[in-house]
Amino acid sequence: MRAGSGRHLPMKLAVFTKNRSNPAYAAARLGASVVHYVPETPDDAAEQSALIEQALAGQPDAVLLAPVHPTGVNAAIRKVNAAHIPLVGYISRLSEGQCVSFIGSDDYALAFALARYLFERLAGKGAVVILEGPPESVTSIERVRAFRAAAAAYPGVRVVAACSGYYLQQPARAAMARTLAATPRIDAVLAANDIMAVGAIEALRAAGRGALLVGVNAIPEAIAAIKRGDMLATADFDAMSMASLAAECAIRHLRGESVPQEIMLPVQIVDRANCSRWDRPYEQRQCLNWKDALDKNV
C-alpha cells in the first residue's frame, strides 16, 4: 500500500541495519509488523543488497534502510524505488535514489563538539590518537574529519597516530595495542564509536598506561566506563530514536500524512555529570518522540 492510502495497522516494514555489533539497532517497533534484515558479515554491501532483494519479494509496505556503504547498495535502492515502495533512510544518507524522509544526526557536528570537549580538558595540548571505523563508513569518515578539524584549531594538540578498529571491540583493542607499543606518549584517544573505546580501554589497561578517552554512541558499556573513570565522555548518537522515528515516519506516510524531508537529532555530550539519564538498559531508555523531534528541527 502506498502513500495517501489512509491505510492503518497492521503494516509490514522491512528494516535494514548495518551489523549486529551495535545493540542500539534493536528498535523500530511501533505496532507495525517488522521484519529485520541484517548482514551476517558486518557492513557487507553485497549481502545487504541481496537482503533488500529478498525483502522486495515479500512485498513490504515500506523499507527502512541504514545503508552499509556510501554507494555499494545503490543498485538495490533503485530496485526499491522501481517497485514504488516508500523508502525511509536513517543513520547514513543515501547517495542515490529517492526517499520519503531521512532521520539521522550530524556526524561532523557531533564529533567536532566531542573533540573540543576533550581538548578543553587537556588544556589545549597533548598527544592524541584517533581510532577510526571502517575506511568506507560514512559515519566514520565524517567523525574522523571533524576530529582532525578540531585538532587543527588547537596548536598544542598533536595527532600522533591514527588506526582503524573497524567499529568492533577486539580489532580496536589490537590496533590500540600496536599503537601503544609504537607511541611513547599518548594523552588522549578519540574513538569514532564506543565499542572501539571499550577495546582501547582494555589495551591501555593491559599496557599499564592511561589516557583520557572519548567515544560515540552512549552505549551501556560506555556509561559504565564513564562512571568508573575509564572514559571521559561519549556523544549520544541515538540510533534507537532514529530507528523509532524512521518507523513512525513510514507509518505516517502510509496513512497519507505529511512527513518532514529530514529529522536531525541534536548533539548531546554525555559525561559523569549527566550520565544518569543514559544509565539504563536500552529497553528502558526513552526514544525521542515525534513531536519533540519535530520541535527540535524547527
Protein backbone atom coordinates (compact mmCIF):
# COMPACT_ATOMS: atom_id res chain seq x y z
CA MET A 1 0.00 0.00 0.00
CA ARG A 2 1.41 3.37 -0.97
CA ALA A 3 1.28 6.90 0.39
CA GLY A 4 -2.04 8.63 0.57
CA SER A 5 -3.99 5.41 1.04
CA GLY A 6 -5.00 6.19 4.59
CA ARG A 7 -4.02 2.64 5.49
CA HIS A 8 -3.98 1.66 9.16
CA LEU A 9 -2.17 -1.10 11.01
CA PRO A 10 -1.06 -3.77 10.58
CA MET A 11 1.60 -2.67 8.10
CA LYS A 12 4.72 -4.60 7.16
CA LEU A 13 8.03 -2.73 7.45
CA ALA A 14 11.30 -4.15 6.15
CA VAL A 15 14.06 -2.75 8.36
CA PHE A 16 17.72 -2.89 7.32
CA THR A 17 20.60 -2.28 9.73
CA LYS A 18 24.34 -2.39 9.20
CA ASN A 19 25.53 -5.11 11.55
CA ARG A 20 24.84 -6.99 14.78
CA SER A 21 27.57 -5.26 16.78
CA ASN A 22 25.51 -2.27 17.95
CA PRO A 23 22.60 -3.15 20.27
CA ALA A 24 21.02 0.26 19.63
CA TYR A 25 19.78 -1.15 16.31
CA ALA A 26 17.19 -3.32 18.08
CA ALA A 27 14.49 -0.67 17.57
CA ALA A 28 11.73 0.35 15.13
CA ARG A 29 8.78 -1.22 16.94
CA LEU A 30 5.65 0.92 16.66
CA GLY A 31 2.99 -1.74 16.48
CA ALA A 32 3.56 -2.49 12.82
CA SER A 33 4.86 -5.86 11.68
CA VAL A 34 8.65 -5.50 11.45
CA VAL A 35 10.95 -7.85 9.54
CA HIS A 36 14.60 -7.17 10.43
CA TYR A 37 17.33 -7.77 7.86
CA VAL A 38 20.98 -7.58 8.93
CA PRO A 39 24.13 -8.85 7.16
CA GLU A 40 25.84 -11.79 8.83
CA THR A 41 29.12 -10.13 7.83
CA PRO A 42 29.15 -6.64 9.39
CA ASP A 43 28.79 -3.78 6.90
CA ASP A 44 28.79 -6.09 3.86
CA ALA A 45 27.28 -4.20 0.90
CA ALA A 46 26.78 -7.25 -1.33
CA GLU A 47 24.96 -9.09 1.45
CA GLN A 48 22.76 -6.10 2.28
CA SER A 49 21.91 -5.73 -1.40
CA ALA A 50 20.87 -9.39 -1.55
CA LEU A 51 18.77 -8.93 1.59
CA ILE A 52 16.99 -5.94 0.02
CA GLU A 53 16.08 -8.08 -2.99
CA GLN A 54 14.86 -10.81 -0.62
CA ALA A 55 12.68 -8.28 1.21
CA LEU A 56 11.21 -6.93 -2.01
CA ALA A 57 10.00 -10.43 -2.87
CA GLY A 58 7.91 -10.29 0.32
CA GLN A 59 6.23 -7.03 -0.81
CA PRO A 60 6.70 -4.88 2.30
CA ASP A 61 4.62 -1.74 2.70
CA ALA A 62 7.75 0.33 3.35
CA VAL A 63 11.51 -0.09 3.60
CA LEU A 64 13.64 1.47 6.35
CA LEU A 65 17.29 1.49 5.31
CA ALA A 66 20.58 2.26 7.05
CA PRO A 67 22.94 1.69 4.08
CA VAL A 68 26.18 -0.10 4.93
CA HIS A 69 28.19 1.67 2.20
CA PRO A 70 28.01 5.11 0.54
CA THR A 71 27.43 3.63 -2.94
CA GLY A 72 27.59 -0.16 -2.61
CA VAL A 73 23.82 -0.70 -2.28
CA ASN A 74 22.71 1.87 -4.85
CA ALA A 75 21.55 -0.75 -7.36
CA ALA A 76 19.32 -2.30 -4.70
CA ILE A 77 17.98 1.14 -3.74
CA ARG A 78 17.00 1.72 -7.37
CA LYS A 79 15.01 -1.54 -7.25
CA VAL A 80 13.12 -0.33 -4.17
CA ASN A 81 12.26 2.90 -6.00
CA ALA A 82 11.28 0.99 -9.14
CA ALA A 83 8.88 -1.12 -7.05
CA HIS A 84 7.26 2.13 -5.80
CA ILE A 85 7.75 1.07 -2.19
CA PRO A 86 8.20 4.03 0.19
CA LEU A 87 11.79 4.23 1.41
CA VAL A 88 12.90 5.93 4.64
CA GLY A 89 16.63 6.38 5.21
CA TYR A 90 18.18 6.59 8.65
CA ILE A 91 21.63 6.80 10.27
CA SER A 92 23.54 7.16 6.95
CA ARG A 93 22.28 9.17 4.00
CA LEU A 94 21.53 7.59 0.66
CA SER A 95 23.82 8.80 -2.12
CA GLU A 96 21.33 7.82 -4.82
CA GLY A 97 17.61 7.21 -5.15
CA GLN A 98 14.53 8.78 -3.64
CA CYS A 99 13.41 8.51 -0.04
CA VAL A 100 10.36 9.79 1.80
CA SER A 101 12.49 11.13 4.64
CA PHE A 102 15.88 10.82 6.32
CA ILE A 103 16.40 10.57 10.08
CA GLY A 104 19.92 10.99 11.38
CA SER A 105 22.50 13.01 13.24
CA ASP A 106 25.16 15.39 12.02
CA ASP A 107 28.25 13.21 12.46
CA TYR A 108 30.62 16.09 11.78
CA ALA A 109 29.00 18.45 14.30
CA LEU A 110 28.74 15.70 16.90
CA ALA A 111 32.38 14.65 16.57
CA PHE A 112 33.66 18.23 16.44
CA ALA A 113 31.84 19.07 19.69
CA LEU A 114 33.16 15.90 21.32
CA ALA A 115 36.75 16.62 20.27
CA ARG A 116 36.55 20.19 21.57
CA TYR A 117 35.19 18.86 24.86
CA LEU A 118 38.24 16.59 25.13
CA PHE A 119 40.78 19.22 24.08
CA GLU A 120 39.46 21.72 26.60
CA ARG A 121 40.04 19.16 29.34
CA LEU A 122 43.55 18.66 28.01
CA ALA A 123 44.03 22.42 28.45
CA GLY A 124 44.55 22.66 24.69
CA LYS A 125 47.66 20.50 24.46
CA GLY A 126 48.62 16.85 24.26
CA ALA A 127 49.36 13.81 22.08
CA VAL A 128 46.16 12.35 20.66
CA VAL A 129 45.33 9.09 18.87
CA ILE A 130 42.33 8.79 16.53
CA LEU A 131 40.65 5.39 16.48
CA GLU A 132 38.75 5.14 13.21
CA GLY A 133 35.90 2.95 11.99
CA PRO A 134 35.76 1.10 8.65
CA PRO A 135 37.53 3.10 5.93
CA GLU A 136 34.39 3.38 3.77
CA SER A 137 31.92 4.02 6.59
CA VAL A 138 30.15 7.35 6.07
CA THR A 139 29.81 7.94 9.80
CA SER A 140 33.48 7.22 10.46
CA ILE A 141 34.67 9.40 7.59
CA GLU A 142 32.72 12.40 8.89
CA ARG A 143 33.68 11.85 12.53
CA VAL A 144 37.38 11.48 11.74
CA ARG A 145 37.26 14.57 9.51
CA ALA A 146 35.75 16.51 12.41
CA PHE A 147 38.30 15.14 14.90
CA ARG A 148 41.14 16.38 12.68
CA ALA A 149 39.50 19.75 12.05
CA ALA A 150 39.03 20.29 15.79
CA ALA A 151 42.64 19.29 16.47
CA ALA A 152 43.84 21.79 13.89
CA ALA A 153 42.16 24.55 15.91
CA TYR A 154 44.34 23.75 18.94
CA PRO A 155 48.05 24.41 18.20
CA GLY A 156 49.08 22.42 21.26
CA VAL A 157 47.22 19.28 20.22
CA ARG A 158 49.16 16.78 18.10
CA VAL A 159 47.54 13.80 16.37
CA VAL A 160 50.40 11.33 16.85
CA ALA A 161 48.69 8.27 15.36
CA ALA A 162 45.53 7.02 13.69
CA CYS A 163 44.40 3.42 13.38
CA SER A 164 41.22 1.55 12.49
CA GLY A 165 39.25 -0.67 14.83
CA TYR A 166 36.52 -1.23 12.21
CA TYR A 167 33.83 -0.25 14.74
CA LEU A 168 34.49 -3.51 16.64
CA GLN A 169 35.92 -4.16 20.11
CA GLN A 170 38.61 -6.76 19.50
CA PRO A 171 40.04 -5.18 16.32
CA ALA A 172 40.14 -1.86 18.19
CA ARG A 173 41.94 -3.44 21.13
CA ALA A 174 44.53 -4.97 18.81
CA ALA A 175 45.01 -1.74 16.85
CA MET A 176 45.37 0.27 20.04
CA ALA A 177 47.86 -2.24 21.46
CA ARG A 178 50.05 -1.85 18.38
CA THR A 179 49.77 1.93 18.59
CA LEU A 180 50.72 1.93 22.28
CA ALA A 181 53.80 -0.19 21.54
CA ALA A 182 54.92 2.25 18.85
CA THR A 183 53.98 5.53 20.55
CA PRO A 184 55.73 6.53 23.80
CA ARG A 185 53.33 9.29 24.73
CA ILE A 186 49.54 9.23 24.34
CA ASP A 187 47.48 11.69 26.36
CA ALA A 188 44.07 11.04 24.85
CA VAL A 189 42.13 8.84 22.43
CA LEU A 190 39.32 9.96 20.13
CA ALA A 191 37.34 6.85 19.26
CA ALA A 192 34.77 7.07 16.46
CA ASN A 193 32.44 4.78 18.38
CA ASP A 194 32.07 3.48 21.92
CA ILE A 195 32.66 -0.21 21.31
CA MET A 196 36.12 0.69 19.96
CA ALA A 197 36.64 2.87 23.00
CA VAL A 198 35.98 -0.19 25.17
CA GLY A 199 38.64 -2.06 23.22
CA ALA A 200 41.04 0.84 23.70
CA ILE A 201 40.41 0.81 27.46
CA GLU A 202 41.35 -2.88 27.53
CA ALA A 203 44.54 -2.20 25.57
CA LEU A 204 45.51 0.69 27.85
CA ARG A 205 44.89 -1.42 30.94
CA ALA A 206 46.94 -4.32 29.55
CA ALA A 207 49.81 -1.95 28.79
CA GLY A 208 49.64 -0.33 32.22
CA ARG A 209 49.03 3.06 30.68
CA GLY A 210 46.36 5.73 30.97
CA ALA A 211 44.79 8.35 28.71
CA LEU A 212 41.67 10.47 28.50
CA LEU A 213 39.26 8.70 26.20
CA VAL A 214 36.01 9.64 24.44
CA GLY A 215 33.70 7.76 22.09
CA VAL A 216 30.38 7.97 20.28
CA ASN A 217 27.03 6.18 20.84
CA ALA A 218 26.37 6.30 24.61
CA ILE A 219 26.14 2.51 24.81
CA PRO A 220 25.69 0.97 28.29
CA GLU A 221 29.32 -0.18 28.38
CA ALA A 222 30.47 3.39 27.78
CA ILE A 223 28.21 4.75 30.50
CA ALA A 224 29.66 2.18 32.93
CA ALA A 225 33.19 3.19 31.87
CA ILE A 226 32.39 6.87 32.44
CA LYS A 227 31.10 6.08 35.92
CA ARG A 228 34.30 4.10 36.68
CA GLY A 229 36.50 6.89 35.38
CA ASP A 230 37.84 4.84 32.44
CA MET A 231 36.19 7.15 29.89
CA LEU A 232 35.84 10.90 29.97
CA ALA A 233 32.74 11.22 27.80
CA THR A 234 30.70 9.94 24.90
CA ALA A 235 28.35 11.57 22.39
CA ASP A 236 24.82 10.23 22.10
CA PHE A 237 24.37 9.01 18.53
CA ASP A 238 20.84 7.86 19.32
CA ALA A 239 20.27 5.07 16.81
CA MET A 240 17.30 3.82 18.82
CA SER A 241 15.46 7.11 18.36
CA MET A 242 16.49 7.28 14.71
CA ALA A 243 15.07 3.82 14.04
CA SER A 244 11.91 4.52 16.03
CA LEU A 245 11.33 7.84 14.24
CA ALA A 246 12.02 6.20 10.87
CA ALA A 247 9.34 3.60 11.60
CA GLU A 248 6.86 6.27 12.67
CA CYS A 249 7.70 8.32 9.60
CA ALA A 250 6.98 5.33 7.35
CA ILE A 251 3.69 4.59 9.12
CA ARG A 252 2.54 8.21 8.96
CA HIS A 253 3.44 8.38 5.26
CA LEU A 254 1.50 5.19 4.55
CA ARG A 255 -1.50 6.67 6.33
CA GLY A 256 -1.37 9.64 3.98
CA GLU A 257 0.05 12.12 6.47
CA SER A 258 2.77 14.61 5.55
CA VAL A 259 6.24 13.98 6.98
CA PRO A 260 9.37 16.17 7.02
CA GLN A 261 12.08 15.56 4.44
CA GLU A 262 14.57 15.08 7.25
CA ILE A 263 14.83 14.92 11.03
CA MET A 264 18.22 15.60 12.59
CA LEU A 265 18.81 14.71 16.23
CA PRO A 266 20.59 17.27 18.45
CA VAL A 267 24.20 16.84 19.64
CA GLN A 268 24.41 15.64 23.24
CA ILE A 269 27.68 15.10 25.12
CA VAL A 270 27.39 12.57 27.94
CA ASP A 271 29.82 12.71 30.88
CA ARG A 272 29.85 11.86 34.57
CA ALA A 273 27.78 14.95 35.40
CA ASN A 274 24.75 13.95 33.31
CA CYS A 275 25.15 10.24 32.53
CA SER A 276 22.35 9.11 34.86
CA ARG A 277 19.84 9.70 32.05
CA TRP A 278 21.62 7.07 29.94
CA ASP A 279 22.48 4.73 32.81
CA ARG A 280 19.90 2.09 31.99
CA PRO A 281 19.42 -0.82 29.54
CA TYR A 282 18.26 0.05 26.03
CA GLU A 283 14.80 -1.35 26.65
CA GLN A 284 14.40 1.15 29.50
CA ARG A 285 15.63 4.16 27.56
CA GLN A 286 13.06 6.57 26.21
CA CYS A 287 13.17 7.30 22.49
CA LEU A 288 12.69 10.85 21.27
CA ASN A 289 9.01 11.21 20.45
CA TRP A 290 7.63 12.55 17.19
CA LYS A 291 6.53 15.95 18.50
CA ASP A 292 9.80 16.65 20.32
CA ALA A 293 11.82 15.53 17.30
CA LEU A 294 9.94 17.92 15.04
CA ASP A 295 10.18 20.76 17.58
CA LYS A 296 13.96 20.34 17.73
CA ASN A 297 14.16 20.62 13.93
CA VAL A 298 12.22 23.89 13.68
